[in-house]
Protein backbone atom coordinates (compact mmCIF):
# COMPACT_ATOMS: atom_id res chain seq x y z
CA UNK A 1 0.00 0.00 0.00
CA UNK A 2 1.33 3.42 -0.88
CA UNK A 3 1.66 6.11 1.74
CA UNK A 4 -1.01 8.15 -0.06
CA UNK A 5 -3.45 5.22 0.02
CA UNK A 6 -2.64 4.68 3.72
CA UNK A 7 -3.46 8.34 4.38
CA UNK A 8 -6.83 8.02 2.60
CA UNK A 9 -7.59 4.78 4.49
CA UNK A 10 -6.85 6.45 7.83
CA UNK A 11 -8.94 9.51 6.90
CA UNK A 12 -11.88 7.28 5.93
CA UNK A 13 -11.55 5.24 9.15
CA UNK A 14 -11.41 8.37 11.29
CA UNK A 15 -14.59 9.72 9.70
CA UNK A 16 -16.43 6.37 9.88
CA UNK A 17 -15.60 6.03 13.57
CA UNK A 18 -17.36 9.32 14.28
CA UNK A 19 -20.53 7.49 13.18
CA UNK A 20 -19.73 3.98 14.47
CA UNK A 21 -16.91 4.08 17.04
CA UNK A 22 -16.59 0.28 17.12
CA UNK A 23 -16.15 -0.05 13.34
CA UNK A 24 -13.34 -2.24 12.03
CA UNK A 25 -12.04 -0.93 8.72
CA UNK A 26 -9.66 -2.58 6.26
CA UNK A 27 -8.53 -1.90 2.74
CA UNK A 28 -8.30 -4.87 0.41
CA UNK A 29 -7.83 -5.48 -3.28
CA UNK A 30 -5.27 -3.88 -5.54
CA UNK A 31 -4.64 -0.83 -3.38
CA UNK A 32 -3.93 -2.98 -0.32
CA UNK A 33 -1.64 -5.21 -2.40
CA UNK A 34 0.14 -2.19 -3.91
CA UNK A 35 -0.78 -3.23 -7.47
CA UNK A 36 -3.37 -0.51 -8.19
CA UNK A 37 -3.48 1.48 -11.39
CA UNK A 38 -4.36 5.21 -11.34
CA UNK A 39 -8.00 4.39 -12.17
CA UNK A 40 -8.38 1.54 -9.67
CA UNK A 41 -11.12 1.85 -7.11
CA UNK A 42 -10.33 1.68 -3.40
CA UNK A 43 -11.91 -1.44 -1.89
CA UNK A 44 -12.79 -1.01 1.77
CA UNK A 45 -14.41 -3.40 4.21
CA UNK A 46 -16.32 -1.84 7.08
CA UNK A 47 -17.40 -4.19 9.85
CA UNK A 48 -19.97 -2.75 12.24
CA UNK A 49 -22.00 -4.22 15.11
CA UNK A 50 -25.19 -3.90 13.01
CA UNK A 51 -25.81 -2.68 9.47
CA UNK A 52 -28.76 -0.30 9.52
CA UNK A 53 -30.03 1.97 6.74
CA UNK A 54 -28.75 5.00 8.68
CA UNK A 55 -25.27 3.52 9.14
CA UNK A 56 -25.12 2.43 5.48
CA UNK A 57 -26.17 5.87 4.24
CA UNK A 58 -23.68 7.67 6.50
CA UNK A 59 -20.75 5.46 5.48
CA UNK A 60 -21.54 5.70 1.77
CA UNK A 61 -21.75 9.49 2.11
CA UNK A 62 -18.35 9.58 3.82
CA UNK A 63 -16.86 7.42 1.05
CA UNK A 64 -18.28 9.70 -1.64
CA UNK A 65 -17.07 12.89 0.07
CA UNK A 66 -13.54 11.61 0.61
CA UNK A 67 -13.37 10.04 -2.84
CA UNK A 68 -14.48 13.28 -4.45
CA UNK A 69 -11.95 15.32 -2.47
CA UNK A 70 -9.10 12.86 -3.12
CA UNK A 71 -9.89 12.07 -6.76
CA UNK A 72 -10.51 8.36 -6.33
CA UNK A 73 -13.48 6.02 -6.01
CA UNK A 74 -13.90 4.57 -2.53
CA UNK A 75 -15.91 1.34 -2.69
CA UNK A 76 -16.92 0.26 0.81
CA UNK A 77 -18.68 -2.97 1.60
CA UNK A 78 -20.51 -3.08 4.91
CA UNK A 79 -20.78 -6.24 6.94
CA UNK A 80 -22.13 -6.87 10.39
CA UNK A 81 -19.67 -8.28 12.91
CA UNK A 82 -21.70 -11.50 13.05
CA UNK A 83 -21.70 -11.90 9.26
CA UNK A 84 -17.94 -11.38 9.06
CA UNK A 85 -17.00 -13.51 12.07
CA UNK A 86 -19.59 -16.27 12.39
CA UNK A 87 -22.30 -16.44 9.71
CA UNK A 88 -22.03 -18.51 6.52
CA UNK A 89 -20.67 -15.39 4.78
CA UNK A 90 -17.57 -15.69 6.96
CA UNK A 91 -16.52 -18.69 4.83
CA UNK A 92 -16.91 -16.82 1.52
CA UNK A 93 -14.04 -16.11 -0.84
CA UNK A 94 -14.62 -12.38 -0.28
CA UNK A 95 -14.14 -12.60 3.48
CA UNK A 96 -11.19 -14.97 3.08
CA UNK A 97 -9.59 -12.44 0.72
CA UNK A 98 -10.15 -9.57 3.17
CA UNK A 99 -8.64 -11.61 6.00
CA UNK A 100 -5.66 -12.63 3.85
CA UNK A 101 -4.73 -9.32 2.22
CA UNK A 102 -6.58 -6.70 4.26
CA UNK A 103 -4.73 -3.70 5.64
CA UNK A 104 -6.37 -2.56 8.86
CA UNK A 105 -6.87 1.09 9.74
PDB file of N, CA and C in Angstrom:
ATOM      1  N   UNK A   1       0.853  -1.185   0.000  1.00  0.00           N
ATOM      2  CA  UNK A   1       0.000   0.000   0.000  1.00  0.00           C
ATOM      3  C   UNK A   1       0.892   1.240   0.000  1.00  0.00           C
ATOM      4  N   UNK A   2       0.546   2.184  -0.843  1.00  0.00           N
ATOM      5  CA  UNK A   2       1.330   3.416  -0.884  1.00  0.00           C
ATOM      6  C   UNK A   2       1.020   4.278   0.336  1.00  0.00           C
ATOM      7  N   UNK A   3       1.888   5.214   0.616  1.00  0.00           N
ATOM      8  CA  UNK A   3       1.659   6.115   1.745  1.00  0.00           C
ATOM      9  C   UNK A   3       0.425   6.986   1.509  1.00  0.00           C
ATOM     10  N   UNK A   4       0.181   7.352   0.260  1.00  0.00           N
ATOM     11  CA  UNK A   4      -1.013   8.147  -0.061  1.00  0.00           C
ATOM     12  C   UNK A   4      -2.288   7.328   0.176  1.00  0.00           C
ATOM     13  N   UNK A   5      -2.285   6.075  -0.234  1.00  0.00           N
ATOM     14  CA  UNK A   5      -3.448   5.222   0.021  1.00  0.00           C
ATOM     15  C   UNK A   5      -3.639   4.990   1.522  1.00  0.00           C
ATOM     16  N   UNK A   6      -2.552   4.841   2.250  1.00  0.00           N
ATOM     17  CA  UNK A   6      -2.640   4.677   3.716  1.00  0.00           C
ATOM     18  C   UNK A   6      -3.278   5.914   4.338  1.00  0.00           C
ATOM     19  N   UNK A   7      -2.893   7.094   3.855  1.00  0.00           N
ATOM     20  CA  UNK A   7      -3.461   8.344   4.381  1.00  0.00           C
ATOM     21  C   UNK A   7      -4.965   8.391   4.123  1.00  0.00           C
ATOM     22  N   UNK A   8      -5.397   8.011   2.924  1.00  0.00           N
ATOM     23  CA  UNK A   8      -6.826   8.018   2.601  1.00  0.00           C
ATOM     24  C   UNK A   8      -7.568   6.985   3.449  1.00  0.00           C
ATOM     25  N   UNK A   9      -6.987   5.805   3.628  1.00  0.00           N
ATOM     26  CA  UNK A   9      -7.592   4.782   4.489  1.00  0.00           C
ATOM     27  C   UNK A   9      -7.782   5.303   5.906  1.00  0.00           C
ATOM     28  N   UNK A  10      -6.772   5.930   6.457  1.00  0.00           N
ATOM     29  CA  UNK A  10      -6.852   6.449   7.830  1.00  0.00           C
ATOM     30  C   UNK A  10      -7.885   7.574   7.931  1.00  0.00           C
ATOM     31  N   UNK A  11      -7.949   8.437   6.923  1.00  0.00           N
ATOM     32  CA  UNK A  11      -8.939   9.507   6.901  1.00  0.00           C
ATOM     33  C   UNK A  11     -10.351   8.926   6.876  1.00  0.00           C
ATOM     34  N   UNK A  12     -10.576   7.940   6.013  1.00  0.00           N
ATOM     35  CA  UNK A  12     -11.875   7.277   5.932  1.00  0.00           C
ATOM     36  C   UNK A  12     -12.228   6.638   7.278  1.00  0.00           C
ATOM     37  N   UNK A  13     -11.290   5.914   7.867  1.00  0.00           N
ATOM     38  CA  UNK A  13     -11.552   5.240   9.146  1.00  0.00           C
ATOM     39  C   UNK A  13     -11.885   6.246  10.243  1.00  0.00           C
ATOM     40  N   UNK A  14     -11.145   7.333  10.286  1.00  0.00           N
ATOM     41  CA  UNK A  14     -11.414   8.367  11.295  1.00  0.00           C
ATOM     42  C   UNK A  14     -12.837   8.904  11.152  1.00  0.00           C
ATOM     43  N   UNK A  15     -13.241   9.194   9.936  1.00  0.00           N
ATOM     44  CA  UNK A  15     -14.594   9.717   9.703  1.00  0.00           C
ATOM     45  C   UNK A  15     -15.661   8.676  10.008  1.00  0.00           C
ATOM     46  N   UNK A  16     -15.450   7.435   9.608  1.00  0.00           N
ATOM     47  CA  UNK A  16     -16.432   6.373   9.880  1.00  0.00           C
ATOM     48  C   UNK A  16     -16.602   6.191  11.384  1.00  0.00           C
ATOM     49  N   UNK A  17     -15.520   6.255  12.120  1.00  0.00           N
ATOM     50  CA  UNK A  17     -15.601   6.030  13.573  1.00  0.00           C
ATOM     51  C   UNK A  17     -16.286   7.168  14.315  1.00  0.00           C
ATOM     52  N   UNK A  18     -16.516   8.296  13.654  1.00  0.00           N
ATOM     53  CA  UNK A  18     -17.358   9.321  14.279  1.00  0.00           C
ATOM     54  C   UNK A  18     -18.819   8.901  14.245  1.00  0.00           C
ATOM     55  N   UNK A  19     -19.165   8.001  13.314  1.00  0.00           N
ATOM     56  CA  UNK A  19     -20.534   7.487  13.182  1.00  0.00           C
ATOM     57  C   UNK A  19     -20.689   6.184  13.956  1.00  0.00           C
ATOM     58  N   UNK A  20     -19.719   5.292  13.805  1.00  0.00           N
ATOM     59  CA  UNK A  20     -19.730   3.977  14.470  1.00  0.00           C
ATOM     60  C   UNK A  20     -18.363   3.777  15.126  1.00  0.00           C
ATOM     61  N   UNK A  21     -18.220   4.166  16.388  1.00  0.00           N
ATOM     62  CA  UNK A  21     -16.912   4.084  17.041  1.00  0.00           C
ATOM     63  C   UNK A  21     -16.287   2.684  17.049  1.00  0.00           C
ATOM     64  N   UNK A  22     -17.106   1.651  17.063  1.00  0.00           N
ATOM     65  CA  UNK A  22     -16.588   0.279  17.120  1.00  0.00           C
ATOM     66  C   UNK A  22     -16.279  -0.316  15.749  1.00  0.00           C
ATOM     67  N   UNK A  23     -16.371   0.469  14.692  1.00  0.00           N
ATOM     68  CA  UNK A  23     -16.154  -0.052  13.339  1.00  0.00           C
ATOM     69  C   UNK A  23     -14.732  -0.569  13.163  1.00  0.00           C
ATOM     70  N   UNK A  24     -14.625  -1.689  12.466  1.00  0.00           N
ATOM     71  CA  UNK A  24     -13.338  -2.235  12.027  1.00  0.00           C
ATOM     72  C   UNK A  24     -13.249  -1.964  10.532  1.00  0.00           C
ATOM     73  N   UNK A  25     -12.168  -1.345  10.109  1.00  0.00           N
ATOM     74  CA  UNK A  25     -12.036  -0.929   8.719  1.00  0.00           C
ATOM     75  C   UNK A  25     -10.736  -1.482   8.149  1.00  0.00           C
ATOM     76  N   UNK A  26     -10.838  -2.075   6.959  1.00  0.00           N
ATOM     77  CA  UNK A  26      -9.663  -2.583   6.263  1.00  0.00           C
ATOM     78  C   UNK A  26      -9.764  -2.259   4.780  1.00  0.00           C
ATOM     79  N   UNK A  27      -8.626  -1.978   4.194  1.00  0.00           N
ATOM     80  CA  UNK A  27      -8.531  -1.897   2.742  1.00  0.00           C
ATOM     81  C   UNK A  27      -8.178  -3.281   2.237  1.00  0.00           C
ATOM     82  N   UNK A  28      -8.667  -3.606   1.043  1.00  0.00           N
ATOM     83  CA  UNK A  28      -8.296  -4.866   0.415  1.00  0.00           C
ATOM     84  C   UNK A  28      -8.255  -4.638  -1.093  1.00  0.00           C
ATOM     85  N   UNK A  29      -7.894  -5.641  -1.840  1.00  0.00           N
ATOM     86  CA  UNK A  29      -7.827  -5.481  -3.283  1.00  0.00           C
ATOM     87  C   UNK A  29      -6.501  -4.884  -3.723  1.00  0.00           C
ATOM     88  N   UNK A  30      -6.518  -4.330  -4.924  1.00  0.00           N
ATOM     89  CA  UNK A  30      -5.269  -3.885  -5.542  1.00  0.00           C
ATOM     90  C   UNK A  30      -4.564  -2.780  -4.769  1.00  0.00           C
ATOM     91  N   UNK A  31      -5.315  -1.900  -4.138  1.00  0.00           N
ATOM     92  CA  UNK A  31      -4.636  -0.833  -3.381  1.00  0.00           C
ATOM     93  C   UNK A  31      -3.957  -1.390  -2.138  1.00  0.00           C
ATOM     94  N   UNK A  32      -4.566  -2.360  -1.493  1.00  0.00           N
ATOM     95  CA  UNK A  32      -3.934  -2.985  -0.324  1.00  0.00           C
ATOM     96  C   UNK A  32      -2.694  -3.776  -0.738  1.00  0.00           C
ATOM     97  N   UNK A  33      -2.771  -4.414  -1.912  1.00  0.00           N
ATOM     98  CA  UNK A  33      -1.637  -5.205  -2.400  1.00  0.00           C
ATOM     99  C   UNK A  33      -0.532  -4.343  -2.998  1.00  0.00           C
ATOM    100  N   UNK A  34      -0.844  -3.063  -3.278  1.00  0.00           N
ATOM    101  CA  UNK A  34       0.141  -2.195  -3.905  1.00  0.00           C
ATOM    102  C   UNK A  34       0.253  -2.400  -5.402  1.00  0.00           C
ATOM    103  N   UNK A  35      -0.801  -2.971  -6.027  1.00  0.00           N
ATOM    104  CA  UNK A  35      -0.784  -3.228  -7.470  1.00  0.00           C
ATOM    105  C   UNK A  35      -1.810  -2.376  -8.215  1.00  0.00           C
ATOM    106  N   UNK A  36      -2.309  -1.341  -7.591  1.00  0.00           N
ATOM    107  CA  UNK A  36      -3.366  -0.508  -8.186  1.00  0.00           C
ATOM    108  C   UNK A  36      -2.831   0.308  -9.354  1.00  0.00           C
ATOM    109  N   UNK A  37      -3.731   0.562 -10.287  1.00  0.00           N
ATOM    110  CA  UNK A  37      -3.479   1.484 -11.392  1.00  0.00           C
ATOM    111  C   UNK A  37      -4.112   2.820 -11.012  1.00  0.00           C
ATOM    112  N   UNK A  38      -3.783   3.905 -11.695  1.00  0.00           N
ATOM    113  CA  UNK A  38      -4.356   5.209 -11.337  1.00  0.00           C
ATOM    114  C   UNK A  38      -5.888   5.223 -11.308  1.00  0.00           C
ATOM    115  N   UNK A  39      -6.525   4.404 -12.119  1.00  0.00           N
ATOM    116  CA  UNK A  39      -7.995   4.394 -12.172  1.00  0.00           C
ATOM    117  C   UNK A  39      -8.627   3.321 -11.284  1.00  0.00           C
ATOM    118  N   UNK A  40      -7.832   2.595 -10.531  1.00  0.00           N
ATOM    119  CA  UNK A  40      -8.376   1.539  -9.670  1.00  0.00           C
ATOM    120  C   UNK A  40      -9.247   2.130  -8.572  1.00  0.00           C
ATOM    121  N   UNK A  41     -10.325   1.411  -8.250  1.00  0.00           N
ATOM    122  CA  UNK A  41     -11.119   1.847  -7.109  1.00  0.00           C
ATOM    123  C   UNK A  41     -10.407   1.430  -5.827  1.00  0.00           C
ATOM    124  N   UNK A  42     -10.934   1.891  -4.716  1.00  0.00           N
ATOM    125  CA  UNK A  42     -10.328   1.676  -3.403  1.00  0.00           C
ATOM    126  C   UNK A  42     -11.296   0.811  -2.608  1.00  0.00           C
ATOM    127  N   UNK A  43     -11.029  -0.503  -2.582  1.00  0.00           N
ATOM    128  CA  UNK A  43     -11.912  -1.441  -1.889  1.00  0.00           C
ATOM    129  C   UNK A  43     -11.713  -1.337  -0.385  1.00  0.00           C
ATOM    130  N   UNK A  44     -12.818  -1.166   0.316  1.00  0.00           N
ATOM    131  CA  UNK A  44     -12.794  -1.010   1.768  1.00  0.00           C
ATOM    132  C   UNK A  44     -13.836  -1.927   2.390  1.00  0.00           C
ATOM    133  N   UNK A  45     -13.470  -2.589   3.453  1.00  0.00           N
ATOM    134  CA  UNK A  45     -14.409  -3.403   4.214  1.00  0.00           C
ATOM    135  C   UNK A  45     -14.661  -2.702   5.538  1.00  0.00           C
ATOM    136  N   UNK A  46     -15.927  -2.483   5.840  1.00  0.00           N
ATOM    137  CA  UNK A  46     -16.319  -1.837   7.083  1.00  0.00           C
ATOM    138  C   UNK A  46     -17.177  -2.831   7.860  1.00  0.00           C
ATOM    139  N   UNK A  47     -16.686  -3.235   9.015  1.00  0.00           N
ATOM    140  CA  UNK A  47     -17.397  -4.195   9.849  1.00  0.00           C
ATOM    141  C   UNK A  47     -17.951  -3.430  11.043  1.00  0.00           C
ATOM    142  N   UNK A  48     -19.263  -3.505  11.198  1.00  0.00           N
ATOM    143  CA  UNK A  48     -19.966  -2.753  12.239  1.00  0.00           C
ATOM    144  C   UNK A  48     -20.801  -3.719  13.072  1.00  0.00           C
ATOM    145  N   UNK A  49     -21.159  -3.330  14.294  1.00  0.00           N
ATOM    146  CA  UNK A  49     -22.005  -4.217  15.106  1.00  0.00           C
ATOM    147  C   UNK A  49     -23.308  -4.599  14.403  1.00  0.00           C
ATOM    148  N   UNK A  50     -23.952  -3.639  13.745  1.00  0.00           N
ATOM    149  CA  UNK A  50     -25.192  -3.902  13.013  1.00  0.00           C
ATOM    150  C   UNK A  50     -25.264  -2.958  11.825  1.00  0.00           C
ATOM    151  N   UNK A  51     -25.634  -3.496  10.669  1.00  0.00           N
ATOM    152  CA  UNK A  51     -25.806  -2.679   9.470  1.00  0.00           C
ATOM    153  C   UNK A  51     -27.254  -2.207   9.431  1.00  0.00           C
ATOM    154  N   UNK A  52     -27.438  -0.896   9.592  1.00  0.00           N
ATOM    155  CA  UNK A  52     -28.764  -0.296   9.520  1.00  0.00           C
ATOM    156  C   UNK A  52     -28.793   0.640   8.316  1.00  0.00           C
ATOM    157  N   UNK A  53     -29.974   1.005   7.859  1.00  0.00           N
ATOM    158  CA  UNK A  53     -30.029   1.972   6.745  1.00  0.00           C
ATOM    159  C   UNK A  53     -29.307   3.277   7.071  1.00  0.00           C
ATOM    160  N   UNK A  54     -29.398   3.742   8.297  1.00  0.00           N
ATOM    161  CA  UNK A  54     -28.753   4.996   8.678  1.00  0.00           C
ATOM    162  C   UNK A  54     -27.230   4.866   8.638  1.00  0.00           C
ATOM    163  N   UNK A  55     -26.720   3.751   9.147  1.00  0.00           N
ATOM    164  CA  UNK A  55     -25.275   3.521   9.137  1.00  0.00           C
ATOM    165  C   UNK A  55     -24.785   3.391   7.692  1.00  0.00           C
ATOM    166  N   UNK A  56     -25.503   2.623   6.887  1.00  0.00           N
ATOM    167  CA  UNK A  56     -25.122   2.430   5.484  1.00  0.00           C
ATOM    168  C   UNK A  56     -25.072   3.769   4.751  1.00  0.00           C
ATOM    169  N   UNK A  57     -26.108   4.570   4.907  1.00  0.00           N
ATOM    170  CA  UNK A  57     -26.167   5.873   4.238  1.00  0.00           C
ATOM    171  C   UNK A  57     -25.020   6.778   4.680  1.00  0.00           C
ATOM    172  N   UNK A  58     -24.745   6.812   5.978  1.00  0.00           N
ATOM    173  CA  UNK A  58     -23.680   7.672   6.496  1.00  0.00           C
ATOM    174  C   UNK A  58     -22.314   7.243   5.963  1.00  0.00           C
ATOM    175  N   UNK A  59     -22.050   5.948   5.937  1.00  0.00           N
ATOM    176  CA  UNK A  59     -20.746   5.464   5.480  1.00  0.00           C
ATOM    177  C   UNK A  59     -20.585   5.678   3.981  1.00  0.00           C
ATOM    178  N   UNK A  60     -21.628   5.440   3.211  1.00  0.00           N
ATOM    179  CA  UNK A  60     -21.539   5.699   1.771  1.00  0.00           C
ATOM    180  C   UNK A  60     -21.326   7.188   1.496  1.00  0.00           C
ATOM    181  N   UNK A  61     -21.949   8.046   2.278  1.00  0.00           N
ATOM    182  CA  UNK A  61     -21.746   9.494   2.112  1.00  0.00           C
ATOM    183  C   UNK A  61     -20.302   9.879   2.421  1.00  0.00           C
ATOM    184  N   UNK A  62     -19.750   9.315   3.470  1.00  0.00           N
ATOM    185  CA  UNK A  62     -18.352   9.585   3.818  1.00  0.00           C
ATOM    186  C   UNK A  62     -17.436   9.132   2.682  1.00  0.00           C
ATOM    187  N   UNK A  63     -17.689   7.942   2.154  1.00  0.00           N
ATOM    188  CA  UNK A  63     -16.863   7.421   1.052  1.00  0.00           C
ATOM    189  C   UNK A  63     -16.940   8.345  -0.159  1.00  0.00           C
ATOM    190  N   UNK A  64     -18.129   8.810  -0.484  1.00  0.00           N
ATOM    191  CA  UNK A  64     -18.281   9.697  -1.640  1.00  0.00           C
ATOM    192  C   UNK A  64     -17.535  11.006  -1.397  1.00  0.00           C
ATOM    193  N   UNK A  65     -17.711  11.600  -0.224  1.00  0.00           N
ATOM    194  CA  UNK A  65     -17.069  12.888   0.072  1.00  0.00           C
ATOM    195  C   UNK A  65     -15.546  12.788   0.000  1.00  0.00           C
ATOM    196  N   UNK A  66     -14.996  11.757   0.617  1.00  0.00           N
ATOM    197  CA  UNK A  66     -13.535  11.606   0.607  1.00  0.00           C
ATOM    198  C   UNK A  66     -13.052  11.275  -0.800  1.00  0.00           C
ATOM    199  N   UNK A  67     -13.759  10.389  -1.482  1.00  0.00           N
ATOM    200  CA  UNK A  67     -13.367  10.040  -2.840  1.00  0.00           C
ATOM    201  C   UNK A  67     -13.374  11.245  -3.762  1.00  0.00           C
ATOM    202  N   UNK A  68     -14.395  12.077  -3.635  1.00  0.00           N
ATOM    203  CA  UNK A  68     -14.480  13.284  -4.455  1.00  0.00           C
ATOM    204  C   UNK A  68     -13.310  14.216  -4.151  1.00  0.00           C
ATOM    205  N   UNK A  69     -13.029  14.418  -2.865  1.00  0.00           N
ATOM    206  CA  UNK A  69     -11.946  15.319  -2.469  1.00  0.00           C
ATOM    207  C   UNK A  69     -10.568  14.792  -2.870  1.00  0.00           C
ATOM    208  N   UNK A  70     -10.408  13.468  -2.851  1.00  0.00           N
ATOM    209  CA  UNK A  70      -9.099  12.863  -3.116  1.00  0.00           C
ATOM    210  C   UNK A  70      -8.924  12.400  -4.562  1.00  0.00           C
ATOM    211  N   UNK A  71      -9.984  12.459  -5.361  1.00  0.00           N
ATOM    212  CA  UNK A  71      -9.890  12.069  -6.756  1.00  0.00           C
ATOM    213  C   UNK A  71      -9.809  10.574  -6.987  1.00  0.00           C
ATOM    214  N   UNK A  72     -10.475   9.810  -6.134  1.00  0.00           N
ATOM    215  CA  UNK A  72     -10.514   8.363  -6.327  1.00  0.00           C
ATOM    216  C   UNK A  72     -11.893   7.845  -5.922  1.00  0.00           C
ATOM    217  N   UNK A  73     -12.194   6.620  -6.336  1.00  0.00           N
ATOM    218  CA  UNK A  73     -13.479   6.016  -6.012  1.00  0.00           C
ATOM    219  C   UNK A  73     -13.293   5.089  -4.823  1.00  0.00           C
ATOM    220  N   UNK A  74     -13.906   5.442  -3.694  1.00  0.00           N
ATOM    221  CA  UNK A  74     -13.898   4.571  -2.530  1.00  0.00           C
ATOM    222  C   UNK A  74     -15.106   3.649  -2.632  1.00  0.00           C
ATOM    223  N   UNK A  75     -14.863   2.344  -2.508  1.00  0.00           N
ATOM    224  CA  UNK A  75     -15.911   1.336  -2.689  1.00  0.00           C
ATOM    225  C   UNK A  75     -16.052   0.495  -1.424  1.00  0.00           C
ATOM    226  N   UNK A  76     -16.777   1.025  -0.434  1.00  0.00           N
ATOM    227  CA  UNK A  76     -16.916   0.263   0.811  1.00  0.00           C
ATOM    228  C   UNK A  76     -17.959  -0.850   0.700  1.00  0.00           C
ATOM    229  N   UNK A  77     -17.658  -1.964   1.351  1.00  0.00           N
ATOM    230  CA  UNK A  77     -18.683  -2.966   1.601  1.00  0.00           C
ATOM    231  C   UNK A  77     -18.906  -2.971   3.104  1.00  0.00           C
ATOM    232  N   UNK A  78     -20.153  -3.074   3.497  1.00  0.00           N
ATOM    233  CA  UNK A  78     -20.505  -3.077   4.914  1.00  0.00           C
ATOM    234  C   UNK A  78     -20.961  -4.465   5.307  1.00  0.00           C
ATOM    235  N   UNK A  79     -20.407  -4.944   6.403  1.00  0.00           N
ATOM    236  CA  UNK A  79     -20.784  -6.240   6.939  1.00  0.00           C
ATOM    237  C   UNK A  79     -20.994  -6.111   8.434  1.00  0.00           C
ATOM    238  N   UNK A  80     -21.966  -6.839   8.943  1.00  0.00           N
ATOM    239  CA  UNK A  80     -22.129  -6.873  10.393  1.00  0.00           C
ATOM    240  C   UNK A  80     -21.006  -7.726  10.982  1.00  0.00           C
ATOM    241  N   UNK A  81     -20.711  -7.499  12.229  1.00  0.00           N
ATOM    242  CA  UNK A  81     -19.674  -8.276  12.907  1.00  0.00           C
ATOM    243  C   UNK A  81     -20.017  -9.762  12.855  1.00  0.00           C
ATOM    244  N   UNK A  82     -21.283 -10.095  13.085  1.00  0.00           N
ATOM    245  CA  UNK A  82     -21.698 -11.497  13.048  1.00  0.00           C
ATOM    246  C   UNK A  82     -21.496 -12.111  11.671  1.00  0.00           C
ATOM    247  N   UNK A  83     -21.878 -11.373  10.610  1.00  0.00           N
ATOM    248  CA  UNK A  83     -21.699 -11.897   9.262  1.00  0.00           C
ATOM    249  C   UNK A  83     -20.226 -12.151   8.952  1.00  0.00           C
ATOM    250  N   UNK A  84     -19.362 -11.240   9.363  1.00  0.00           N
ATOM    251  CA  UNK A  84     -17.942 -11.376   9.058  1.00  0.00           C
ATOM    252  C   UNK A  84     -17.293 -12.486   9.885  1.00  0.00           C
ATOM    253  N   UNK A  85     -17.674 -12.581  11.155  1.00  0.00           N
ATOM    254  CA  UNK A  85     -17.000 -13.509  12.067  1.00  0.00           C
ATOM    255  C   UNK A  85     -17.614 -14.898  12.135  1.00  0.00           C
ATOM    256  N   UNK A  86     -18.950 -15.005  12.053  1.00  0.00           N
ATOM    257  CA  UNK A  86     -19.589 -16.271  12.393  1.00  0.00           C
ATOM    258  C   UNK A  86     -20.595 -16.821  11.393  1.00  0.00           C
ATOM    259  N   UNK A  87     -21.229 -15.987  10.615  1.00  0.00           N
ATOM    260  CA  UNK A  87     -22.296 -16.442   9.715  1.00  0.00           C
ATOM    261  C   UNK A  87     -21.703 -17.180   8.514  1.00  0.00           C
ATOM    262  N   UNK A  88     -22.544 -17.824   7.712  1.00  0.00           N
ATOM    263  CA  UNK A  88     -22.026 -18.507   6.522  1.00  0.00           C
ATOM    264  C   UNK A  88     -21.164 -17.606   5.623  1.00  0.00           C
ATOM    265  N   UNK A  89     -21.473 -16.312   5.578  1.00  0.00           N
ATOM    266  CA  UNK A  89     -20.673 -15.387   4.778  1.00  0.00           C
ATOM    267  C   UNK A  89     -19.209 -15.382   5.201  1.00  0.00           C
ATOM    268  N   UNK A  90     -18.942 -15.704   6.465  1.00  0.00           N
ATOM    269  CA  UNK A  90     -17.566 -15.686   6.964  1.00  0.00           C
ATOM    270  C   UNK A  90     -16.678 -16.701   6.240  1.00  0.00           C
ATOM    271  N   UNK A  91     -17.280 -17.686   5.578  1.00  0.00           N
ATOM    272  CA  UNK A  91     -16.519 -18.689   4.825  1.00  0.00           C
ATOM    273  C   UNK A  91     -16.406 -18.347   3.342  1.00  0.00           C
ATOM    274  N   UNK A  92     -16.919 -17.189   2.935  1.00  0.00           N
ATOM    275  CA  UNK A  92     -16.914 -16.818   1.518  1.00  0.00           C
ATOM    276  C   UNK A  92     -15.511 -16.457   1.044  1.00  0.00           C
ATOM    277  N   UNK A  93     -15.337 -16.502  -0.270  1.00  0.00           N
ATOM    278  CA  UNK A  93     -14.043 -16.107  -0.836  1.00  0.00           C
ATOM    279  C   UNK A  93     -13.768 -14.626  -0.590  1.00  0.00           C
ATOM    280  N   UNK A  94     -14.809 -13.805  -0.551  1.00  0.00           N
ATOM    281  CA  UNK A  94     -14.619 -12.383  -0.277  1.00  0.00           C
ATOM    282  C   UNK A  94     -14.028 -12.177   1.112  1.00  0.00           C
ATOM    283  N   UNK A  95     -14.634 -12.775   2.112  1.00  0.00           N
ATOM    284  CA  UNK A  95     -14.144 -12.603   3.482  1.00  0.00           C
ATOM    285  C   UNK A  95     -12.759 -13.229   3.640  1.00  0.00           C
ATOM    286  N   UNK A  96     -12.529 -14.363   3.022  1.00  0.00           N
ATOM    287  CA  UNK A  96     -11.187 -14.966   3.082  1.00  0.00           C
ATOM    288  C   UNK A  96     -10.148 -14.036   2.473  1.00  0.00           C
ATOM    289  N   UNK A  97     -10.499 -13.392   1.368  1.00  0.00           N
ATOM    290  CA  UNK A  97      -9.588 -12.443   0.724  1.00  0.00           C
ATOM    291  C   UNK A  97      -9.304 -11.247   1.627  1.00  0.00           C
ATOM    292  N   UNK A  98     -10.345 -10.713   2.259  1.00  0.00           N
ATOM    293  CA  UNK A  98     -10.153  -9.574   3.166  1.00  0.00           C
ATOM    294  C   UNK A  98      -9.268  -9.970   4.334  1.00  0.00           C
ATOM    295  N   UNK A  99      -9.481 -11.152   4.875  1.00  0.00           N
ATOM    296  CA  UNK A  99      -8.638 -11.609   5.995  1.00  0.00           C
ATOM    297  C   UNK A  99      -7.189 -11.806   5.553  1.00  0.00           C
ATOM    298  N   UNK A 100      -6.999 -12.311   4.338  1.00  0.00           N
ATOM    299  CA  UNK A 100      -5.658 -12.626   3.852  1.00  0.00           C
ATOM    300  C   UNK A 100      -4.866 -11.358   3.493  1.00  0.00           C
ATOM    301  N   UNK A 101      -5.491 -10.455   2.760  1.00  0.00           N
ATOM    302  CA  UNK A 101      -4.731  -9.322   2.219  1.00  0.00           C
ATOM    303  C   UNK A 101      -5.106  -7.983   2.826  1.00  0.00           C
ATOM    304  N   UNK A 102      -6.089  -7.961   3.722  1.00  0.00           N
ATOM    305  CA  UNK A 102      -6.577  -6.704   4.260  1.00  0.00           C
ATOM    306  C   UNK A 102      -5.519  -5.932   5.034  1.00  0.00           C
ATOM    307  N   UNK A 103      -5.599  -4.622   4.900  1.00  0.00           N
ATOM    308  CA  UNK A 103      -4.733  -3.702   5.643  1.00  0.00           C
ATOM    309  C   UNK A 103      -5.636  -2.921   6.584  1.00  0.00           C
ATOM    310  N   UNK A 104      -5.489  -3.179   7.872  1.00  0.00           N
ATOM    311  CA  UNK A 104      -6.372  -2.562   8.862  1.00  0.00           C
ATOM    312  C   UNK A 104      -6.016  -1.103   9.110  1.00  0.00           C
ATOM    313  N   UNK A 105      -7.058  -0.314   9.377  1.00  0.00           N
ATOM    314  CA  UNK A 105      -6.868   1.089   9.741  1.00  0.00           C
ATOM    315  C   UNK A 105      -6.914   1.205  11.245  1.00  0.00           C
TER     316      UNK A 105
END
